[in-house]
Amino acid sequence: MLIHDRGRNLTAPRRICASAASLCGPTRPRNEDMAVLGGRCVRDGASEMMWERGGAARPFLAAVLDGLGGHQGGDQASGLVAERLAAAVWRWPAGASRVELAGRLAETLAEAHRELLEVGRDEPERAGAGTTCTALLAATDAFLLLHVGDTRCYRRRGGVWRLLTQDHAVVIPDGSGEGIPRLIYAVGADLPELPPDLVGDLTETCRPGDVYVLVTDGVLAAAGGDAALGAVLEARDARGMLDLALVNGGPDNATAVRLEVLE
């Protein structure tokens, strides 16, 4: 866990304009993705909200989750983890420190991980169900990044986009020269543990004007290349991002969250 408490002279965001959208896409029978915006879980729709930091403001969570395709219960896994995170953050006190919030985030995800593993043992038809999860948490004195899997977080500053996460995946040769990516970390999915660097601290690097975008790999696949992805990331809200990404169709569910730090 990459969290260190250096006092209260921090640069956590004061106001955030946020949007989320999650769509099934044209080729999948159901949507296994999920987004979280504040205390609301979003699937097959879109949502917007404004968060303002203040003495009584509850922590604010935004997340994207991708239920692992090809497994029974992928949509249920992403829904379970999204609901656990949204409900937990809503109960956390307004004045919690970033060290405390990082610990609570890690423990909430660890509990969800254990729950999914137990479900797989008790219900063989759902064995292997799991999800990725990439999330941002804003609070009075904190701005934290949680990441598991191959969902991603990008940041735009000064007109330049930077990828802030690293995919937890390796490429397995398939005999064609292309290779198949395989996750080494996920929530559930019969994987033994979560990554050791589960929560990162962005508090002292956040700046007014920054834009943060969370996306599932369905957005990347639909965009089809770096140039097209750049145009998608520049959309003014999450639904606009998905509309641009899916304009020519797409092979997977697609989910995006966009946060703009206003001050």
C-alpha atoms as a PDB file:
ATOM      1  CA  MET A   1       0.000   0.000   0.000  1.00  0.00           C
ATOM      2  CA  LEU A   2       1.609   3.249  -1.149  1.00  0.00           C
ATOM      3  CA  ILE A   3       0.155   5.623   1.451  1.00  0.00           C
ATOM      4  CA  HIS A   4       2.097   7.909   3.775  1.00  0.00           C
ATOM      5  CA  ASP A   5       0.618  10.574   6.023  1.00  0.00           C
ATOM      6  CA  ARG A   6       2.677  13.761   5.736  1.00  0.00           C
ATOM      7  CA  GLY A   7       0.275  16.072   7.505  1.00  0.00           C
ATOM      8  CA  ARG A   8      -2.652  18.140   6.265  1.00  0.00           C
ATOM      9  CA  ASN A   9      -1.008  20.568   3.843  1.00  0.00           C
ATOM     10  CA  LEU A  10      -2.472  18.724   0.842  1.00  0.00           C
ATOM     11  CA  THR A  11      -3.893  19.449  -2.598  1.00  0.00           C
ATOM     12  CA  ALA A  12      -6.973  17.223  -2.586  1.00  0.00           C
ATOM     13  CA  PRO A  13      -9.661  18.362  -5.068  1.00  0.00           C
ATOM     14  CA  ARG A  14     -12.217  20.936  -3.880  1.00  0.00           C
ATOM     15  CA  ARG A  15     -14.832  20.368  -6.606  1.00  0.00           C
ATOM     16  CA  ILE A  16     -15.231  17.503  -9.074  1.00  0.00           C
ATOM     17  CA  CYS A  17     -17.616  17.273 -12.027  1.00  0.00           C
ATOM     18  CA  ALA A  18     -18.220  13.574 -12.670  1.00  0.00           C
ATOM     19  CA  SER A  19     -20.067  11.368 -15.148  1.00  0.00           C
ATOM     20  CA  ALA A  20     -20.364   7.621 -15.721  1.00  0.00           C
ATOM     21  CA  ALA A  21     -21.790   5.419 -18.460  1.00  0.00           C
ATOM     22  CA  SER A  22     -21.961   1.669 -19.061  1.00  0.00           C
ATOM     23  CA  LEU A  23     -23.352   0.019 -22.220  1.00  0.00           C
ATOM     24  CA  CYS A  24     -23.672  -3.588 -23.332  1.00  0.00           C
ATOM     25  CA  GLY A  25     -22.353  -2.907 -26.833  1.00  0.00           C
ATOM     26  CA  PRO A  26     -23.685  -4.391 -30.090  1.00  0.00           C
ATOM     27  CA  THR A  27     -22.340  -7.956 -29.863  1.00  0.00           C
ATOM     28  CA  ARG A  28     -22.707  -9.177 -26.268  1.00  0.00           C
ATOM     29  CA  PRO A  29     -25.934 -10.711 -24.867  1.00  0.00           C
ATOM     30  CA  ARG A  30     -25.568  -8.976 -21.498  1.00  0.00           C
ATOM     31  CA  ASN A  31     -23.511  -6.270 -19.821  1.00  0.00           C
ATOM     32  CA  GLU A  32     -20.939  -7.655 -17.380  1.00  0.00           C
ATOM     33  CA  ASP A  33     -19.447  -4.194 -16.743  1.00  0.00           C
ATOM     34  CA  MET A  34     -20.454  -1.840 -13.963  1.00  0.00           C
ATOM     35  CA  ALA A  35     -19.665   1.755 -13.015  1.00  0.00           C
ATOM     36  CA  VAL A  36     -19.932   3.444  -9.629  1.00  0.00           C
ATOM     37  CA  LEU A  37     -20.575   7.155  -9.191  1.00  0.00           C
ATOM     38  CA  GLY A  38     -20.928   8.297  -5.599  1.00  0.00           C
ATOM     39  CA  GLY A  39     -23.350   5.872  -3.980  1.00  0.00           C
ATOM     40  CA  ARG A  40     -24.928   4.785  -7.266  1.00  0.00           C
ATOM     41  CA  CYS A  41     -24.112   1.729  -9.370  1.00  0.00           C
ATOM     42  CA  VAL A  42     -24.545   2.293 -13.123  1.00  0.00           C
ATOM     43  CA  ARG A  43     -25.159  -0.430 -15.727  1.00  0.00           C
ATOM     44  CA  ASP A  44     -26.890  -0.010 -19.114  1.00  0.00           C
ATOM     45  CA  GLY A  45     -27.224   3.718 -18.585  1.00  0.00           C
ATOM     46  CA  ALA A  46     -25.490   6.948 -17.580  1.00  0.00           C
ATOM     47  CA  SER A  47     -25.258   9.260 -14.580  1.00  0.00           C
ATOM     48  CA  GLU A  48     -23.756  12.652 -13.662  1.00  0.00           C
ATOM     49  CA  MET A  49     -23.033  14.449 -10.392  1.00  0.00           C
ATOM     50  CA  MET A  50     -21.007  17.214  -8.762  1.00  0.00           C
ATOM     51  CA  TRP A  51     -18.955  16.590  -5.621  1.00  0.00           C
ATOM     52  CA  GLU A  52     -17.765  19.449  -3.413  1.00  0.00           C
ATOM     53  CA  ARG A  53     -15.261  19.062  -0.630  1.00  0.00           C
ATOM     54  CA  GLY A  54     -16.374  20.405   2.720  1.00  0.00           C
ATOM     55  CA  GLY A  55     -16.291  19.717   6.417  1.00  0.00           C
ATOM     56  CA  ALA A  56     -19.362  17.472   6.241  1.00  0.00           C
ATOM     57  CA  ALA A  57     -18.769  16.022   2.768  1.00  0.00           C
ATOM     58  CA  ARG A  58     -18.679  12.244   2.628  1.00  0.00           C
ATOM     59  CA  PRO A  59     -15.888  10.624   0.610  1.00  0.00           C
ATOM     60  CA  PHE A  60     -16.717  10.283  -3.084  1.00  0.00           C
ATOM     61  CA  LEU A  61     -15.994   7.105  -5.073  1.00  0.00           C
ATOM     62  CA  ALA A  62     -15.938   6.636  -8.853  1.00  0.00           C
ATOM     63  CA  ALA A  63     -15.092   3.245 -10.358  1.00  0.00           C
ATOM     64  CA  VAL A  64     -15.255   0.983 -13.394  1.00  0.00           C
ATOM     65  CA  LEU A  65     -15.481  -2.797 -13.125  1.00  0.00           C
ATOM     66  CA  ASP A  66     -15.343  -5.475 -15.819  1.00  0.00           C
ATOM     67  CA  GLY A  67     -16.842  -8.857 -14.941  1.00  0.00           C
ATOM     68  CA  LEU A  68     -14.530 -11.439 -16.418  1.00  0.00           C
ATOM     69  CA  GLY A  69     -15.850 -12.560 -19.777  1.00  0.00           C
ATOM     70  CA  GLY A  70     -16.292 -16.260 -20.376  1.00  0.00           C
ATOM     71  CA  HIS A  71     -16.972 -17.032 -16.711  1.00  0.00           C
ATOM     72  CA  GLN A  72     -20.353 -17.812 -15.203  1.00  0.00           C
ATOM     73  CA  GLY A  73     -21.540 -14.904 -13.109  1.00  0.00           C
ATOM     74  CA  GLY A  74     -19.207 -12.180 -14.415  1.00  0.00           C
ATOM     75  CA  ASP A  75     -22.040  -9.647 -14.305  1.00  0.00           C
ATOM     76  CA  GLN A  76     -22.926 -10.743 -10.784  1.00  0.00           C
ATOM     77  CA  ALA A  77     -19.283 -10.465  -9.680  1.00  0.00           C
ATOM     78  CA  SER A  78     -18.869  -6.900 -10.943  1.00  0.00           C
ATOM     79  CA  GLY A  79     -22.231  -5.978  -9.438  1.00  0.00           C
ATOM     80  CA  LEU A  80     -21.341  -7.473  -6.055  1.00  0.00           C
ATOM     81  CA  VAL A  81     -18.014  -5.638  -5.812  1.00  0.00           C
ATOM     82  CA  ALA A  82     -19.521  -2.356  -7.043  1.00  0.00           C
ATOM     83  CA  GLU A  83     -22.293  -2.558  -4.464  1.00  0.00           C
ATOM     84  CA  ARG A  84     -19.879  -3.393  -1.651  1.00  0.00           C
ATOM     85  CA  LEU A  85     -17.663  -0.407  -2.497  1.00  0.00           C
ATOM     86  CA  ALA A  86     -20.530   2.055  -2.948  1.00  0.00           C
ATOM     87  CA  ALA A  87     -22.204   1.020   0.311  1.00  0.00           C
ATOM     88  CA  ALA A  88     -18.968   1.019   2.309  1.00  0.00           C
ATOM     89  CA  VAL A  89     -17.778   4.462   1.193  1.00  0.00           C
ATOM     90  CA  TRP A  90     -21.162   5.967   2.022  1.00  0.00           C
ATOM     91  CA  ARG A  91     -20.693   4.896   5.658  1.00  0.00           C
ATOM     92  CA  TRP A  92     -17.189   6.295   6.085  1.00  0.00           C
ATOM     93  CA  PRO A  93     -16.755   9.480   8.158  1.00  0.00           C
ATOM     94  CA  ALA A  94     -16.159  12.821   6.461  1.00  0.00           C
ATOM     95  CA  GLY A  95     -12.952  13.558   8.349  1.00  0.00           C
ATOM     96  CA  ALA A  96     -11.153  10.234   7.850  1.00  0.00           C
ATOM     97  CA  SER A  97      -7.444  10.556   7.011  1.00  0.00           C
ATOM     98  CA  ARG A  98      -6.045   9.293   3.744  1.00  0.00           C
ATOM     99  CA  VAL A  99      -4.182   6.519   5.574  1.00  0.00           C
ATOM    100  CA  GLU A 100      -7.438   5.360   7.153  1.00  0.00           C
ATOM    101  CA  LEU A 101      -9.324   5.631   3.842  1.00  0.00           C
ATOM    102  CA  ALA A 102      -6.657   3.627   2.010  1.00  0.00           C
ATOM    103  CA  GLY A 103      -6.907   0.904   4.638  1.00  0.00           C
ATOM    104  CA  ARG A 104     -10.695   0.851   4.399  1.00  0.00           C
ATOM    105  CA  LEU A 105     -10.570   0.631   0.592  1.00  0.00           C
ATOM    106  CA  ALA A 106      -8.122  -2.260   0.703  1.00  0.00           C
ATOM    107  CA  GLU A 107     -10.118  -4.130   3.334  1.00  0.00           C
ATOM    108  CA  THR A 108     -13.434  -3.643   1.493  1.00  0.00           C
ATOM    109  CA  LEU A 109     -11.949  -5.101  -1.674  1.00  0.00           C
ATOM    110  CA  ALA A 110     -10.290  -7.933   0.259  1.00  0.00           C
ATOM    111  CA  GLU A 111     -13.650  -8.841   1.812  1.00  0.00           C
ATOM    112  CA  ALA A 112     -15.302  -8.827  -1.625  1.00  0.00           C
ATOM    113  CA  HIS A 113     -12.467 -11.004  -2.954  1.00  0.00           C
ATOM    114  CA  ARG A 114     -13.013 -13.555  -0.185  1.00  0.00           C
ATOM    115  CA  GLU A 115     -16.776 -13.488  -0.751  1.00  0.00           C
ATOM    116  CA  LEU A 116     -16.392 -14.253  -4.463  1.00  0.00           C
ATOM    117  CA  LEU A 117     -14.017 -17.128  -3.732  1.00  0.00           C
ATOM    118  CA  GLU A 118     -16.526 -18.562  -1.239  1.00  0.00           C
ATOM    119  CA  VAL A 119     -19.360 -18.227  -3.775  1.00  0.00           C
ATOM    120  CA  GLY A 120     -17.289 -20.190  -6.279  1.00  0.00           C
ATOM    121  CA  ARG A 121     -16.695 -22.967  -3.751  1.00  0.00           C
ATOM    122  CA  ASP A 122     -20.368 -23.131  -2.737  1.00  0.00           C
ATOM    123  CA  GLU A 123     -21.816 -22.791  -6.262  1.00  0.00           C
ATOM    124  CA  PRO A 124     -19.701 -24.696  -8.805  1.00  0.00           C
ATOM    125  CA  GLU A 125     -21.525 -23.092 -11.737  1.00  0.00           C
ATOM    126  CA  ARG A 126     -20.087 -19.730 -10.627  1.00  0.00           C
ATOM    127  CA  ALA A 127     -16.547 -20.945  -9.963  1.00  0.00           C
ATOM    128  CA  GLY A 128     -14.055 -18.542 -11.485  1.00  0.00           C
ATOM    129  CA  ALA A 129     -16.401 -15.554 -11.450  1.00  0.00           C
ATOM    130  CA  GLY A 130     -14.506 -12.337 -10.854  1.00  0.00           C
ATOM    131  CA  THR A 131     -14.002  -8.751 -11.885  1.00  0.00           C
ATOM    132  CA  THR A 132     -11.438  -6.056 -12.455  1.00  0.00           C
ATOM    133  CA  CYS A 133     -11.755  -2.783 -10.548  1.00  0.00           C
ATOM    134  CA  THR A 134     -10.201   0.644 -11.027  1.00  0.00           C
ATOM    135  CA  ALA A 135     -11.447   3.445  -8.778  1.00  0.00           C
ATOM    136  CA  LEU A 136     -10.740   6.979  -7.573  1.00  0.00           C
ATOM    137  CA  LEU A 137     -11.656   8.133  -4.075  1.00  0.00           C
ATOM    138  CA  ALA A 138     -11.873  11.836  -3.217  1.00  0.00           C
ATOM    139  CA  ALA A 139     -12.216  13.047   0.373  1.00  0.00           C
ATOM    140  CA  THR A 140     -11.484  16.100   2.494  1.00  0.00           C
ATOM    141  CA  ASP A 141      -7.716  15.490   2.550  1.00  0.00           C
ATOM    142  CA  ALA A 142      -7.254  12.617   0.113  1.00  0.00           C
ATOM    143  CA  PHE A 143      -7.329  11.592  -3.541  1.00  0.00           C
ATOM    144  CA  LEU A 144      -6.612   7.867  -3.908  1.00  0.00           C
ATOM    145  CA  LEU A 145      -6.367   5.407  -6.804  1.00  0.00           C
ATOM    146  CA  LEU A 146      -7.354   1.747  -6.414  1.00  0.00           C
ATOM    147  CA  HIS A 147      -6.463  -0.669  -9.216  1.00  0.00           C
ATOM    148  CA  VAL A 148      -6.857  -4.401  -9.907  1.00  0.00           C
ATOM    149  CA  GLY A 149      -6.800  -5.977 -13.364  1.00  0.00           C
ATOM    150  CA  ASP A 150      -6.713  -4.390 -16.816  1.00  0.00           C
ATOM    151  CA  THR A 151      -9.236  -1.603 -16.463  1.00  0.00           C
ATOM    152  CA  ARG A 152      -7.351   1.683 -16.714  1.00  0.00           C
ATOM    153  CA  CYS A 153      -7.005   5.220 -15.368  1.00  0.00           C
ATOM    154  CA  TYR A 154      -5.805   8.048 -17.641  1.00  0.00           C
ATOM    155  CA  ARG A 155      -5.070  11.652 -16.632  1.00  0.00           C
ATOM    156  CA  ARG A 156      -5.013  14.735 -18.874  1.00  0.00           C
ATOM    157  CA  ARG A 157      -2.873  17.665 -17.809  1.00  0.00           C
ATOM    158  CA  GLY A 158      -1.790  20.515 -20.067  1.00  0.00           C
ATOM    159  CA  GLY A 159      -3.407  18.782 -23.044  1.00  0.00           C
ATOM    160  CA  VAL A 160      -1.359  15.593 -22.576  1.00  0.00           C
ATOM    161  CA  TRP A 161      -2.837  12.232 -21.600  1.00  0.00           C
ATOM    162  CA  ARG A 162      -0.893   9.903 -19.315  1.00  0.00           C
ATOM    163  CA  LEU A 163      -1.737   6.329 -18.316  1.00  0.00           C
ATOM    164  CA  LEU A 164      -1.558   6.085 -14.506  1.00  0.00           C
ATOM    165  CA  THR A 165      -2.167   2.337 -14.140  1.00  0.00           C
ATOM    166  CA  GLN A 166      -0.373  -0.769 -15.306  1.00  0.00           C
ATOM    167  CA  ASP A 167      -2.378  -3.734 -16.570  1.00  0.00           C
ATOM    168  CA  HIS A 168      -2.146  -6.734 -14.265  1.00  0.00           C
ATOM    169  CA  ALA A 169      -1.808  -9.160 -17.175  1.00  0.00           C
ATOM    170  CA  VAL A 170       0.681 -11.347 -19.003  1.00  0.00           C
ATOM    171  CA  VAL A 171       0.526 -12.516 -22.630  1.00  0.00           C
ATOM    172  CA  ILE A 172       0.254 -16.269 -23.151  1.00  0.00           C
ATOM    173  CA  PRO A 173       1.461 -17.548 -26.584  1.00  0.00           C
ATOM    174  CA  ASP A 174      -1.400 -19.045 -28.621  1.00  0.00           C
ATOM    175  CA  GLY A 175       0.573 -20.386 -31.591  1.00  0.00           C
ATOM    176  CA  SER A 176      -0.537 -17.603 -33.944  1.00  0.00           C
ATOM    177  CA  GLY A 177       2.114 -15.104 -32.931  1.00  0.00           C
ATOM    178  CA  GLU A 178      -0.504 -12.845 -31.346  1.00  0.00           C
ATOM    179  CA  GLY A 179      -0.808 -14.220 -27.811  1.00  0.00           C
ATOM    180  CA  ILE A 180      -3.702 -14.098 -25.339  1.00  0.00           C
ATOM    181  CA  PRO A 181      -3.605 -11.684 -22.369  1.00  0.00           C
ATOM    182  CA  ARG A 182      -4.292 -13.361 -19.033  1.00  0.00           C
ATOM    183  CA  LEU A 183      -4.915 -11.526 -15.783  1.00  0.00           C
ATOM    184  CA  ILE A 184      -2.561 -12.214 -12.907  1.00  0.00           C
ATOM    185  CA  TYR A 185      -4.690 -10.207 -10.451  1.00  0.00           C
ATOM    186  CA  ALA A 186      -8.453  -9.743 -10.209  1.00  0.00           C
ATOM    187  CA  VAL A 187     -11.148  -9.648  -7.544  1.00  0.00           C
ATOM    188  CA  GLY A 188     -12.276 -13.256  -7.214  1.00  0.00           C
ATOM    189  CA  ALA A 189     -11.639 -15.314 -10.386  1.00  0.00           C
ATOM    190  CA  ASP A 190     -10.072 -18.136  -8.314  1.00  0.00           C
ATOM    191  CA  LEU A 191      -6.910 -16.051  -8.015  1.00  0.00           C
ATOM    192  CA  PRO A 192      -5.224 -16.429  -4.616  1.00  0.00           C
ATOM    193  CA  GLU A 193      -4.532 -12.792  -3.746  1.00  0.00           C
ATOM    194  CA  LEU A 194      -4.920  -9.132  -4.620  1.00  0.00           C
ATOM    195  CA  PRO A 195      -1.931  -7.042  -5.791  1.00  0.00           C
ATOM    196  CA  PRO A 196       0.371  -5.754  -3.026  1.00  0.00           C
ATOM    197  CA  ASP A 197       0.213  -2.164  -4.327  1.00  0.00           C
ATOM    198  CA  LEU A 198      -3.579  -2.084  -4.346  1.00  0.00           C
ATOM    199  CA  VAL A 199      -4.040   1.599  -3.373  1.00  0.00           C
ATOM    200  CA  GLY A 200      -1.936   4.531  -4.587  1.00  0.00           C
ATOM    201  CA  ASP A 201      -1.840   8.119  -3.331  1.00  0.00           C
ATOM    202  CA  LEU A 202      -2.502  10.922  -5.844  1.00  0.00           C
ATOM    203  CA  THR A 203      -3.286  13.563  -3.227  1.00  0.00           C
ATOM    204  CA  GLU A 204      -0.198  15.697  -3.623  1.00  0.00           C
ATOM    205  CA  THR A 205      -0.041  15.392  -7.423  1.00  0.00           C
ATOM    206  CA  CYS A 206      -3.646  16.381  -8.201  1.00  0.00           C
ATOM    207  CA  ARG A 207      -4.092  19.838  -9.797  1.00  0.00           C
ATOM    208  CA  PRO A 208      -7.094  22.019 -10.770  1.00  0.00           C
ATOM    209  CA  GLY A 209      -7.895  21.423 -14.426  1.00  0.00           C
ATOM    210  CA  ASP A 210      -6.862  17.763 -14.333  1.00  0.00           C
ATOM    211  CA  VAL A 211      -9.207  15.324 -16.062  1.00  0.00           C
ATOM    212  CA  TYR A 212      -9.233  11.673 -14.963  1.00  0.00           C
ATOM    213  CA  VAL A 213     -10.830   8.945 -17.072  1.00  0.00           C
ATOM    214  CA  LEU A 214     -11.486   5.346 -16.018  1.00  0.00           C
ATOM    215  CA  VAL A 215     -12.278   2.829 -18.785  1.00  0.00           C
ATOM    216  CA  THR A 216     -12.818  -0.893 -19.237  1.00  0.00           C
ATOM    217  CA  ASP A 217     -10.971  -2.756 -21.976  1.00  0.00           C
ATOM    218  CA  GLY A 218     -14.122  -2.737 -24.098  1.00  0.00           C
ATOM    219  CA  VAL A 219     -13.581   0.991 -24.678  1.00  0.00           C
ATOM    220  CA  LEU A 220      -9.990   0.371 -25.765  1.00  0.00           C
ATOM    221  CA  ALA A 221     -11.036  -2.444 -28.118  1.00  0.00           C
ATOM    222  CA  ALA A 222     -13.868  -0.399 -29.650  1.00  0.00           C
ATOM    223  CA  ALA A 223     -11.619   2.628 -30.223  1.00  0.00           C
ATOM    224  CA  GLY A 224      -9.238   0.406 -32.184  1.00  0.00           C
ATOM    225  CA  GLY A 225      -6.025   2.409 -31.841  1.00  0.00           C
ATOM    226  CA  ASP A 226      -4.159   5.133 -29.975  1.00  0.00           C
ATOM    227  CA  ALA A 227      -5.271   7.969 -32.264  1.00  0.00           C
ATOM    228  CA  ALA A 228      -8.939   6.994 -32.000  1.00  0.00           C
ATOM    229  CA  LEU A 229      -8.613   6.463 -28.252  1.00  0.00           C
ATOM    230  CA  GLY A 230      -7.232   9.985 -27.899  1.00  0.00           C
ATOM    231  CA  ALA A 231     -10.366  11.365 -29.541  1.00  0.00           C
ATOM    232  CA  VAL A 232     -12.560   9.220 -27.280  1.00  0.00           C
ATOM    233  CA  LEU A 233     -10.818  10.468 -24.137  1.00  0.00           C
ATOM    234  CA  GLU A 234     -11.455  14.088 -25.187  1.00  0.00           C
ATOM    235  CA  ALA A 235     -15.254  13.699 -25.059  1.00  0.00           C
ATOM    236  CA  ARG A 236     -16.963  16.041 -22.597  1.00  0.00           C
ATOM    237  CA  ASP A 237     -18.664  13.286 -20.585  1.00  0.00           C
ATOM    238  CA  ALA A 238     -18.643   9.530 -20.127  1.00  0.00           C
ATOM    239  CA  ARG A 239     -21.650   8.864 -22.391  1.00  0.00           C
ATOM    240  CA  GLY A 240     -20.000  10.902 -25.142  1.00  0.00           C
ATOM    241  CA  MET A 241     -16.886   8.760 -24.762  1.00  0.00           C
ATOM    242  CA  LEU A 242     -18.863   5.568 -25.300  1.00  0.00           C
ATOM    243  CA  ASP A 243     -20.775   7.023 -28.247  1.00  0.00           C
ATOM    244  CA  LEU A 244     -17.456   7.870 -29.939  1.00  0.00           C
ATOM    245  CA  ALA A 245     -15.869   4.525 -29.092  1.00  0.00           C
ATOM    246  CA  LEU A 246     -18.836   2.459 -30.290  1.00  0.00           C
ATOM    247  CA  VAL A 247     -19.639   4.435 -33.452  1.00  0.00           C
ATOM    248  CA  ASN A 248     -18.247   1.604 -35.597  1.00  0.00           C
ATOM    249  CA  GLY A 249     -19.361  -1.156 -33.255  1.00  0.00           C
ATOM    250  CA  GLY A 250     -17.271  -2.947 -30.657  1.00  0.00           C
ATOM    251  CA  PRO A 251     -16.522  -6.495 -29.519  1.00  0.00           C
ATOM    252  CA  ASP A 252     -17.289  -6.061 -25.816  1.00  0.00           C
ATOM    253  CA  ASN A 253     -19.175  -4.208 -23.110  1.00  0.00           C
ATOM    254  CA  ALA A 254     -17.916  -0.648 -22.666  1.00  0.00           C
ATOM    255  CA  THR A 255     -17.836   1.461 -19.494  1.00  0.00           C
ATOM    256  CA  ALA A 256     -16.282   4.840 -18.712  1.00  0.00           C
ATOM    257  CA  VAL A 257     -16.090   7.342 -15.862  1.00  0.00           C
ATOM    258  CA  ARG A 258     -14.868  10.921 -16.312  1.00  0.00           C
ATOM    259  CA  LEU A 259     -13.806  13.230 -13.460  1.00  0.00           C
ATOM    260  CA  GLU A 260     -12.831  16.870 -13.992  1.00  0.00           C
ATOM    261  CA  VAL A 261     -11.124  18.685 -11.102  1.00  0.00           C
ATOM    262  CA  LEU A 262     -12.576  22.198 -11.172  1.00  0.00           C
ATOM    263  CA  GLU A 263     -10.555  23.687  -8.300  1.00  0.00           C
END
